[in-house]
């Protein structure tokens, strides 16, 4: 495909050079404007080259999208755990989450999203995205509330983001990738909910 683009671009350049030098007296005399037929020919070659280039760019973009977005891990690929019945699976897609659960209490409902990310960004940068969604300003420091030991000795750091409109409890496992257990709900998160969340994470086993 590139050879066609280069051929089209070269033909346009040669044609334009031929017209330019034949009408300008080899750069010595006054320039003579091209007639309509010559303008149409030059435009024709340029449009062909542009069309080939756009087609190739579109194909390259499609290949890139397939590679980037079609692969998705399963929960069983990196962690094993058995949530209690009160953690109801949610089948509705929630952004980039691999799995979603819902915890319903007497006061309100909470959503648990399990998310995997490559280590291309600093942890603080990722957490600041959720910090701002909770209506809080960005910060350069997040303090670990507690460390949770999993079923097979892996450790999770628990953070809390307390906003007026939304609260987030975020447990982070750092291995080859980041694994986030993000529990979110409206208003302040009570201690009973955090205890249930800690119990769930303690039962997990990372592969």
C-alpha atoms as a PDB file:
ATOM      1  CA  UNK A   1       0.000   0.000   0.000  1.00  0.00           C
ATOM      2  CA  UNK A   2       2.862   2.400   0.815  1.00  0.00           C
ATOM      3  CA  UNK A   3       4.329   1.900  -2.676  1.00  0.00           C
ATOM      4  CA  UNK A   4       1.091   3.171  -4.214  1.00  0.00           C
ATOM      5  CA  UNK A   5       1.151   6.232  -1.936  1.00  0.00           C
ATOM      6  CA  UNK A   6       4.741   7.004  -2.820  1.00  0.00           C
ATOM      7  CA  UNK A   7       4.012   6.484  -6.539  1.00  0.00           C
ATOM      8  CA  UNK A   8       1.024   8.832  -6.379  1.00  0.00           C
ATOM      9  CA  UNK A   9       2.974  11.468  -4.454  1.00  0.00           C
ATOM     10  CA  UNK A  10       5.920  11.192  -6.871  1.00  0.00           C
ATOM     11  CA  UNK A  11       3.666  11.528  -9.911  1.00  0.00           C
ATOM     12  CA  UNK A  12       2.093  14.656  -8.395  1.00  0.00           C
ATOM     13  CA  UNK A  13       5.514  16.133  -7.628  1.00  0.00           C
ATOM     14  CA  UNK A  14       6.892  15.404 -11.127  1.00  0.00           C
ATOM     15  CA  UNK A  15       3.793  16.814 -12.781  1.00  0.00           C
ATOM     16  CA  UNK A  16       3.913  19.982 -10.667  1.00  0.00           C
ATOM     17  CA  UNK A  17       7.647  20.405 -11.327  1.00  0.00           C
ATOM     18  CA  UNK A  18       7.150  19.963 -15.075  1.00  0.00           C
ATOM     19  CA  UNK A  19       4.412  22.601 -15.190  1.00  0.00           C
ATOM     20  CA  UNK A  20       6.363  24.932 -12.912  1.00  0.00           C
ATOM     21  CA  UNK A  21       9.622  24.895 -14.862  1.00  0.00           C
ATOM     22  CA  UNK A  22       7.940  25.091 -18.270  1.00  0.00           C
ATOM     23  CA  UNK A  23       5.887  28.113 -17.305  1.00  0.00           C
ATOM     24  CA  UNK A  24       8.407  30.038 -15.224  1.00  0.00           C
ATOM     25  CA  UNK A  25      11.335  30.237 -17.619  1.00  0.00           C
ATOM     26  CA  UNK A  26      13.428  28.030 -15.332  1.00  0.00           C
ATOM     27  CA  UNK A  27      12.847  30.431 -12.410  1.00  0.00           C
ATOM     28  CA  UNK A  28      14.103  33.424 -14.493  1.00  0.00           C
ATOM     29  CA  UNK A  29      10.926  34.898 -15.973  1.00  0.00           C
ATOM     30  CA  UNK A  30       7.504  35.765 -14.626  1.00  0.00           C
ATOM     31  CA  UNK A  31       5.237  32.959 -13.503  1.00  0.00           C
ATOM     32  CA  UNK A  32       2.436  31.981 -15.887  1.00  0.00           C
ATOM     33  CA  UNK A  33      -0.713  30.687 -14.200  1.00  0.00           C
ATOM     34  CA  UNK A  34      -1.842  27.137 -14.978  1.00  0.00           C
ATOM     35  CA  UNK A  35      -4.900  26.708 -17.130  1.00  0.00           C
ATOM     36  CA  UNK A  36      -7.983  24.896 -15.848  1.00  0.00           C
ATOM     37  CA  UNK A  37      -7.030  21.580 -17.417  1.00  0.00           C
ATOM     38  CA  UNK A  38      -3.648  21.585 -15.709  1.00  0.00           C
ATOM     39  CA  UNK A  39      -5.212  22.471 -12.361  1.00  0.00           C
ATOM     40  CA  UNK A  40      -7.643  19.551 -12.730  1.00  0.00           C
ATOM     41  CA  UNK A  41      -4.818  17.119 -13.540  1.00  0.00           C
ATOM     42  CA  UNK A  42      -2.731  18.171 -10.555  1.00  0.00           C
ATOM     43  CA  UNK A  43      -5.776  18.025  -8.307  1.00  0.00           C
ATOM     44  CA  UNK A  44      -6.620  14.563  -9.659  1.00  0.00           C
ATOM     45  CA  UNK A  45      -3.179  13.137  -8.783  1.00  0.00           C
ATOM     46  CA  UNK A  46      -3.189  14.794  -5.365  1.00  0.00           C
ATOM     47  CA  UNK A  47      -6.644  13.419  -4.527  1.00  0.00           C
ATOM     48  CA  UNK A  48      -5.571   9.880  -5.460  1.00  0.00           C
ATOM     49  CA  UNK A  49      -2.473  10.081  -3.239  1.00  0.00           C
ATOM     50  CA  UNK A  50      -4.530  11.527  -0.371  1.00  0.00           C
ATOM     51  CA  UNK A  51      -7.149   8.785  -0.739  1.00  0.00           C
ATOM     52  CA  UNK A  52      -4.552   6.005  -0.604  1.00  0.00           C
ATOM     53  CA  UNK A  53      -2.947   7.567   2.455  1.00  0.00           C
ATOM     54  CA  UNK A  54      -6.272   7.844   4.311  1.00  0.00           C
ATOM     55  CA  UNK A  55      -7.142   4.232   3.461  1.00  0.00           C
ATOM     56  CA  UNK A  56      -3.843   2.983   4.867  1.00  0.00           C
ATOM     57  CA  UNK A  57      -4.179   5.090   8.014  1.00  0.00           C
ATOM     58  CA  UNK A  58      -7.689   3.687   8.540  1.00  0.00           C
ATOM     59  CA  UNK A  59      -6.447   0.115   8.171  1.00  0.00           C
ATOM     60  CA  UNK A  60      -3.567   0.757  10.593  1.00  0.00           C
ATOM     61  CA  UNK A  61      -5.987   2.287  13.110  1.00  0.00           C
ATOM     62  CA  UNK A  62      -8.301  -0.738  12.846  1.00  0.00           C
ATOM     63  CA  UNK A  63      -5.418  -3.144  13.433  1.00  0.00           C
ATOM     64  CA  UNK A  64      -4.333  -1.115  16.458  1.00  0.00           C
ATOM     65  CA  UNK A  65      -7.838  -1.172  17.951  1.00  0.00           C
ATOM     66  CA  UNK A  66      -8.094  -4.944  17.570  1.00  0.00           C
ATOM     67  CA  UNK A  67      -4.807  -5.511  19.350  1.00  0.00           C
ATOM     68  CA  UNK A  68      -5.560  -3.024  22.126  1.00  0.00           C
ATOM     69  CA  UNK A  69      -9.172  -3.649  23.009  1.00  0.00           C
ATOM     70  CA  UNK A  70     -10.216  -7.211  22.157  1.00  0.00           C
ATOM     71  CA  UNK A  71      -8.170  -8.983  24.857  1.00  0.00           C
ATOM     72  CA  UNK A  72      -9.627  -9.090  28.361  1.00  0.00           C
ATOM     73  CA  UNK A  73      -8.598 -11.108  31.392  1.00  0.00           C
ATOM     74  CA  UNK A  74     -10.993 -13.209  33.387  1.00  0.00           C
ATOM     75  CA  UNK A  75     -11.260 -12.906  37.149  1.00  0.00           C
ATOM     76  CA  UNK A  76     -10.123 -16.515  37.544  1.00  0.00           C
ATOM     77  CA  UNK A  77      -6.876 -15.683  35.674  1.00  0.00           C
ATOM     78  CA  UNK A  78      -5.389 -13.797  38.620  1.00  0.00           C
ATOM     79  CA  UNK A  79      -7.475 -14.233  41.787  1.00  0.00           C
ATOM     80  CA  UNK A  80      -9.711 -16.799  43.465  1.00  0.00           C
ATOM     81  CA  UNK A  81     -12.319 -15.883  46.029  1.00  0.00           C
ATOM     82  CA  UNK A  82     -15.850 -16.842  46.967  1.00  0.00           C
ATOM     83  CA  UNK A  83     -17.979 -13.822  47.900  1.00  0.00           C
ATOM     84  CA  UNK A  84     -20.771 -14.372  50.408  1.00  0.00           C
ATOM     85  CA  UNK A  85     -24.350 -14.241  49.130  1.00  0.00           C
ATOM     86  CA  UNK A  86     -24.708 -10.623  50.214  1.00  0.00           C
ATOM     87  CA  UNK A  87     -22.254  -9.692  47.427  1.00  0.00           C
ATOM     88  CA  UNK A  88     -24.487 -10.028  44.391  1.00  0.00           C
ATOM     89  CA  UNK A  89     -22.810 -10.269  40.937  1.00  0.00           C
ATOM     90  CA  UNK A  90     -23.712  -7.434  38.553  1.00  0.00           C
ATOM     91  CA  UNK A  91     -23.723  -8.272  34.849  1.00  0.00           C
ATOM     92  CA  UNK A  92     -24.092  -4.683  33.603  1.00  0.00           C
ATOM     93  CA  UNK A  93     -20.794  -3.375  32.237  1.00  0.00           C
ATOM     94  CA  UNK A  94     -19.026  -0.807  34.403  1.00  0.00           C
ATOM     95  CA  UNK A  95     -16.237   0.823  32.409  1.00  0.00           C
ATOM     96  CA  UNK A  96     -13.009  -1.176  32.471  1.00  0.00           C
ATOM     97  CA  UNK A  97     -14.014  -3.448  35.356  1.00  0.00           C
ATOM     98  CA  UNK A  98     -13.477  -7.185  34.878  1.00  0.00           C
ATOM     99  CA  UNK A  99     -16.103  -8.057  37.507  1.00  0.00           C
ATOM    100  CA  UNK A 100     -18.760  -6.120  39.438  1.00  0.00           C
ATOM    101  CA  UNK A 101     -20.658  -6.884  42.634  1.00  0.00           C
ATOM    102  CA  UNK A 102     -23.320  -5.067  44.641  1.00  0.00           C
ATOM    103  CA  UNK A 103     -23.701  -4.917  48.398  1.00  0.00           C
ATOM    104  CA  UNK A 104     -27.090  -3.739  49.674  1.00  0.00           C
ATOM    105  CA  UNK A 105     -27.490  -2.610  53.282  1.00  0.00           C
ATOM    106  CA  UNK A 106     -30.449  -1.161  55.154  1.00  0.00           C
ATOM    107  CA  UNK A 107     -29.242   2.350  54.371  1.00  0.00           C
ATOM    108  CA  UNK A 108     -28.007   2.145  50.780  1.00  0.00           C
ATOM    109  CA  UNK A 109     -26.244   0.080  48.117  1.00  0.00           C
ATOM    110  CA  UNK A 110     -22.553  -0.123  47.269  1.00  0.00           C
ATOM    111  CA  UNK A 111     -20.820  -1.151  44.067  1.00  0.00           C
ATOM    112  CA  UNK A 112     -17.620  -3.215  44.012  1.00  0.00           C
ATOM    113  CA  UNK A 113     -15.580  -3.086  40.796  1.00  0.00           C
ATOM    114  CA  UNK A 114     -12.489  -5.252  40.257  1.00  0.00           C
ATOM    115  CA  UNK A 115     -10.097  -3.561  37.835  1.00  0.00           C
ATOM    116  CA  UNK A 116      -6.730  -4.533  36.358  1.00  0.00           C
ATOM    117  CA  UNK A 117      -4.275  -2.005  34.931  1.00  0.00           C
ATOM    118  CA  UNK A 118      -0.744  -2.128  33.580  1.00  0.00           C
ATOM    119  CA  UNK A 119       1.928  -0.233  35.466  1.00  0.00           C
ATOM    120  CA  UNK A 120       2.260   2.428  32.800  1.00  0.00           C
ATOM    121  CA  UNK A 121       1.078   5.161  35.185  1.00  0.00           C
ATOM    122  CA  UNK A 122       2.085   5.953  38.789  1.00  0.00           C
ATOM    123  CA  UNK A 123      -0.396   4.651  41.347  1.00  0.00           C
ATOM    124  CA  UNK A 124      -1.117   8.185  42.610  1.00  0.00           C
ATOM    125  CA  UNK A 125      -2.105   9.334  39.121  1.00  0.00           C
ATOM    126  CA  UNK A 126      -4.671   6.540  38.797  1.00  0.00           C
ATOM    127  CA  UNK A 127      -6.077   7.148  42.265  1.00  0.00           C
ATOM    128  CA  UNK A 128      -6.395  10.875  41.574  1.00  0.00           C
ATOM    129  CA  UNK A 129      -8.904  10.066  38.828  1.00  0.00           C
ATOM    130  CA  UNK A 130     -11.225   8.582  41.461  1.00  0.00           C
ATOM    131  CA  UNK A 131     -10.278  11.315  43.931  1.00  0.00           C
ATOM    132  CA  UNK A 132     -11.645  13.936  41.539  1.00  0.00           C
ATOM    133  CA  UNK A 133     -14.747  11.864  40.741  1.00  0.00           C
ATOM    134  CA  UNK A 134     -15.523  11.968  44.452  1.00  0.00           C
ATOM    135  CA  UNK A 135     -15.492  15.775  44.196  1.00  0.00           C
ATOM    136  CA  UNK A 136     -12.103  16.243  45.867  1.00  0.00           C
ATOM    137  CA  UNK A 137      -9.050  18.131  44.596  1.00  0.00           C
ATOM    138  CA  UNK A 138      -6.062  16.196  43.293  1.00  0.00           C
ATOM    139  CA  UNK A 139      -3.331  15.288  45.767  1.00  0.00           C
ATOM    140  CA  UNK A 140       0.216  13.993  45.541  1.00  0.00           C
ATOM    141  CA  UNK A 141      -0.044  11.785  48.632  1.00  0.00           C
ATOM    142  CA  UNK A 142      -2.396   8.953  49.623  1.00  0.00           C
ATOM    143  CA  UNK A 143      -2.082   7.287  53.035  1.00  0.00           C
ATOM    144  CA  UNK A 144      -2.655   3.568  53.576  1.00  0.00           C
ATOM    145  CA  UNK A 145      -5.493   3.087  56.084  1.00  0.00           C
ATOM    146  CA  UNK A 146      -4.597  -0.539  56.756  1.00  0.00           C
ATOM    147  CA  UNK A 147      -2.877  -3.523  55.165  1.00  0.00           C
ATOM    148  CA  UNK A 148      -4.982  -6.621  54.534  1.00  0.00           C
ATOM    149  CA  UNK A 149      -3.440 -10.082  54.366  1.00  0.00           C
ATOM    150  CA  UNK A 150      -5.046 -12.329  51.767  1.00  0.00           C
ATOM    151  CA  UNK A 151      -5.683 -16.062  52.078  1.00  0.00           C
ATOM    152  CA  UNK A 152      -2.313 -16.982  50.519  1.00  0.00           C
ATOM    153  CA  UNK A 153      -0.175 -14.336  52.252  1.00  0.00           C
ATOM    154  CA  UNK A 154      -0.465 -11.693  49.515  1.00  0.00           C
ATOM    155  CA  UNK A 155      -0.957  -8.171  50.847  1.00  0.00           C
ATOM    156  CA  UNK A 156      -3.472  -5.476  49.887  1.00  0.00           C
ATOM    157  CA  UNK A 157      -3.125  -1.794  50.796  1.00  0.00           C
ATOM    158  CA  UNK A 158      -6.435  -0.200  51.720  1.00  0.00           C
ATOM    159  CA  UNK A 159      -7.063   3.479  50.981  1.00  0.00           C
ATOM    160  CA  UNK A 160     -10.134   5.626  51.609  1.00  0.00           C
ATOM    161  CA  UNK A 161     -11.365   8.561  49.569  1.00  0.00           C
ATOM    162  CA  UNK A 162     -14.079  10.453  51.411  1.00  0.00           C
ATOM    163  CA  UNK A 163     -16.004  12.955  49.314  1.00  0.00           C
ATOM    164  CA  UNK A 164     -19.251  14.744  50.073  1.00  0.00           C
ATOM    165  CA  UNK A 165     -21.084  13.100  47.190  1.00  0.00           C
ATOM    166  CA  UNK A 166     -19.226   9.780  47.068  1.00  0.00           C
ATOM    167  CA  UNK A 167     -16.966   7.647  49.239  1.00  0.00           C
ATOM    168  CA  UNK A 168     -14.518   5.073  47.909  1.00  0.00           C
ATOM    169  CA  UNK A 169     -12.671   2.288  49.703  1.00  0.00           C
ATOM    170  CA  UNK A 170      -9.834   1.129  47.470  1.00  0.00           C
ATOM    171  CA  UNK A 171      -7.764  -1.995  48.052  1.00  0.00           C
ATOM    172  CA  UNK A 172      -4.669  -2.288  45.850  1.00  0.00           C
ATOM    173  CA  UNK A 173      -2.563  -5.342  45.037  1.00  0.00           C
ATOM    174  CA  UNK A 174       0.703  -4.618  43.223  1.00  0.00           C
ATOM    175  CA  UNK A 175       2.141  -7.478  41.200  1.00  0.00           C
ATOM    176  CA  UNK A 176       2.939  -7.602  37.508  1.00  0.00           C
ATOM    177  CA  UNK A 177      -0.110  -5.339  37.175  1.00  0.00           C
ATOM    178  CA  UNK A 178      -2.222  -3.245  39.510  1.00  0.00           C
ATOM    179  CA  UNK A 179      -5.329  -5.000  40.808  1.00  0.00           C
ATOM    180  CA  UNK A 180      -7.927  -2.639  42.286  1.00  0.00           C
ATOM    181  CA  UNK A 181     -10.903  -3.620  44.441  1.00  0.00           C
ATOM    182  CA  UNK A 182     -12.931  -0.398  44.375  1.00  0.00           C
ATOM    183  CA  UNK A 183     -15.958  -0.176  46.664  1.00  0.00           C
ATOM    184  CA  UNK A 184     -18.011   2.986  46.164  1.00  0.00           C
ATOM    185  CA  UNK A 185     -21.218   4.438  47.507  1.00  0.00           C
ATOM    186  CA  UNK A 186     -22.976   7.727  48.189  1.00  0.00           C
ATOM    187  CA  UNK A 187     -22.122   9.675  51.312  1.00  0.00           C
ATOM    188  CA  UNK A 188     -19.892   8.355  54.090  1.00  0.00           C
ATOM    189  CA  UNK A 189     -19.059   4.640  54.241  1.00  0.00           C
ATOM    190  CA  UNK A 190     -19.901   3.136  57.636  1.00  0.00           C
ATOM    191  CA  UNK A 191     -17.637   0.797  59.626  1.00  0.00           C
ATOM    192  CA  UNK A 192     -19.867  -2.252  59.094  1.00  0.00           C
ATOM    193  CA  UNK A 193     -19.492  -1.980  55.310  1.00  0.00           C
ATOM    194  CA  UNK A 194     -15.718  -1.605  55.621  1.00  0.00           C
ATOM    195  CA  UNK A 195     -15.628  -4.690  57.851  1.00  0.00           C
ATOM    196  CA  UNK A 196     -17.525  -6.720  55.242  1.00  0.00           C
ATOM    197  CA  UNK A 197     -15.169  -5.439  52.549  1.00  0.00           C
ATOM    198  CA  UNK A 198     -12.092  -6.407  54.604  1.00  0.00           C
ATOM    199  CA  UNK A 199     -13.530  -9.879  55.236  1.00  0.00           C
ATOM    200  CA  UNK A 200     -14.113 -10.390  51.518  1.00  0.00           C
ATOM    201  CA  UNK A 201     -10.564  -9.363  50.631  1.00  0.00           C
ATOM    202  CA  UNK A 202      -9.064 -11.575  53.336  1.00  0.00           C
ATOM    203  CA  UNK A 203     -10.657 -14.613  51.672  1.00  0.00           C
ATOM    204  CA  UNK A 204      -9.055 -13.864  48.287  1.00  0.00           C
ATOM    205  CA  UNK A 205      -6.112 -15.847  46.906  1.00  0.00           C
ATOM    206  CA  UNK A 206      -3.937 -14.316  44.205  1.00  0.00           C
ATOM    207  CA  UNK A 207      -2.609 -16.668  41.562  1.00  0.00           C
END
